[in-house]
Amino acid sequence: MVENAFARLKHFRALATRYDKLKRNYESTVSLACALIWLKL
């Protein structure tokens, strides 16, 4: 289940390549991606 969640997160290009260099921005992008994945379920 955890591996599937990471596989879904890797579909977001900004997360896979880590465009955001600041920790704060990266964490907010991860949170947004998780929320979008959760809403699709």
C-alpha atoms as a PDB file:
ATOM      1  CA  MET A   1       0.000   0.000   0.000  1.00  0.00           C
ATOM      2  CA  VAL A   2       2.817   2.399   0.828  1.00  0.00           C
ATOM      3  CA  GLU A   3       4.704   1.467  -2.341  1.00  0.00           C
ATOM      4  CA  ASN A   4       1.583   2.183  -4.381  1.00  0.00           C
ATOM      5  CA  ALA A   5       1.303   5.619  -2.805  1.00  0.00           C
ATOM      6  CA  PHE A   6       4.895   6.440  -3.751  1.00  0.00           C
ATOM      7  CA  ALA A   7       4.302   5.154  -7.269  1.00  0.00           C
ATOM      8  CA  ARG A   8       1.329   7.489  -7.611  1.00  0.00           C
ATOM      9  CA  LEU A   9       3.347  10.409  -6.263  1.00  0.00           C
ATOM     10  CA  LYS A  10       6.051   9.807  -8.868  1.00  0.00           C
ATOM     11  CA  HIS A  11       3.526  10.612 -11.589  1.00  0.00           C
ATOM     12  CA  PHE A  12       3.714  14.253 -10.513  1.00  0.00           C
ATOM     13  CA  ARG A  13       6.667  15.623 -12.455  1.00  0.00           C
ATOM     14  CA  ALA A  14       7.526  18.351  -9.947  1.00  0.00           C
ATOM     15  CA  LEU A  15       7.880  15.734  -7.213  1.00  0.00           C
ATOM     16  CA  ALA A  16       9.882  13.263  -9.236  1.00  0.00           C
ATOM     17  CA  THR A  17      12.434  15.851 -10.363  1.00  0.00           C
ATOM     18  CA  ARG A  18      12.180  18.029  -7.222  1.00  0.00           C
ATOM     19  CA  TYR A  19      11.909  21.419  -8.885  1.00  0.00           C
ATOM     20  CA  ASP A  20      11.435  23.158  -5.533  1.00  0.00           C
ATOM     21  CA  LYS A  21      14.689  23.582  -3.692  1.00  0.00           C
ATOM     22  CA  LEU A  22      13.211  24.854  -0.443  1.00  0.00           C
ATOM     23  CA  LYS A  23      11.934  22.272   2.031  1.00  0.00           C
ATOM     24  CA  ARG A  24       8.780  24.284   2.697  1.00  0.00           C
ATOM     25  CA  ASN A  25       7.824  24.442  -0.985  1.00  0.00           C
ATOM     26  CA  TYR A  26       8.576  20.778  -1.578  1.00  0.00           C
ATOM     27  CA  GLU A  27       6.493  19.671   1.407  1.00  0.00           C
ATOM     28  CA  SER A  28       3.559  21.768   0.243  1.00  0.00           C
ATOM     29  CA  THR A  29       3.803  20.214  -3.235  1.00  0.00           C
ATOM     30  CA  VAL A  30       3.810  16.740  -1.688  1.00  0.00           C
ATOM     31  CA  SER A  31       0.767  17.651   0.407  1.00  0.00           C
ATOM     32  CA  LEU A  32      -1.068  18.970  -2.622  1.00  0.00           C
ATOM     33  CA  ALA A  33      -0.270  15.842  -4.628  1.00  0.00           C
ATOM     34  CA  CYS A  34      -1.460  13.616  -1.770  1.00  0.00           C
ATOM     35  CA  ALA A  35      -4.686  15.591  -1.541  1.00  0.00           C
ATOM     36  CA  LEU A  36      -5.279  15.239  -5.278  1.00  0.00           C
ATOM     37  CA  ILE A  37      -4.644  11.500  -5.124  1.00  0.00           C
ATOM     38  CA  TRP A  38      -6.985  11.194  -2.137  1.00  0.00           C
ATOM     39  CA  LEU A  39      -9.732  13.129  -3.921  1.00  0.00           C
ATOM     40  CA  LYS A  40      -9.493  10.881  -6.980  1.00  0.00           C
ATOM     41  CA  LEU A  41     -10.207   7.840  -4.810  1.00  0.00           C
END
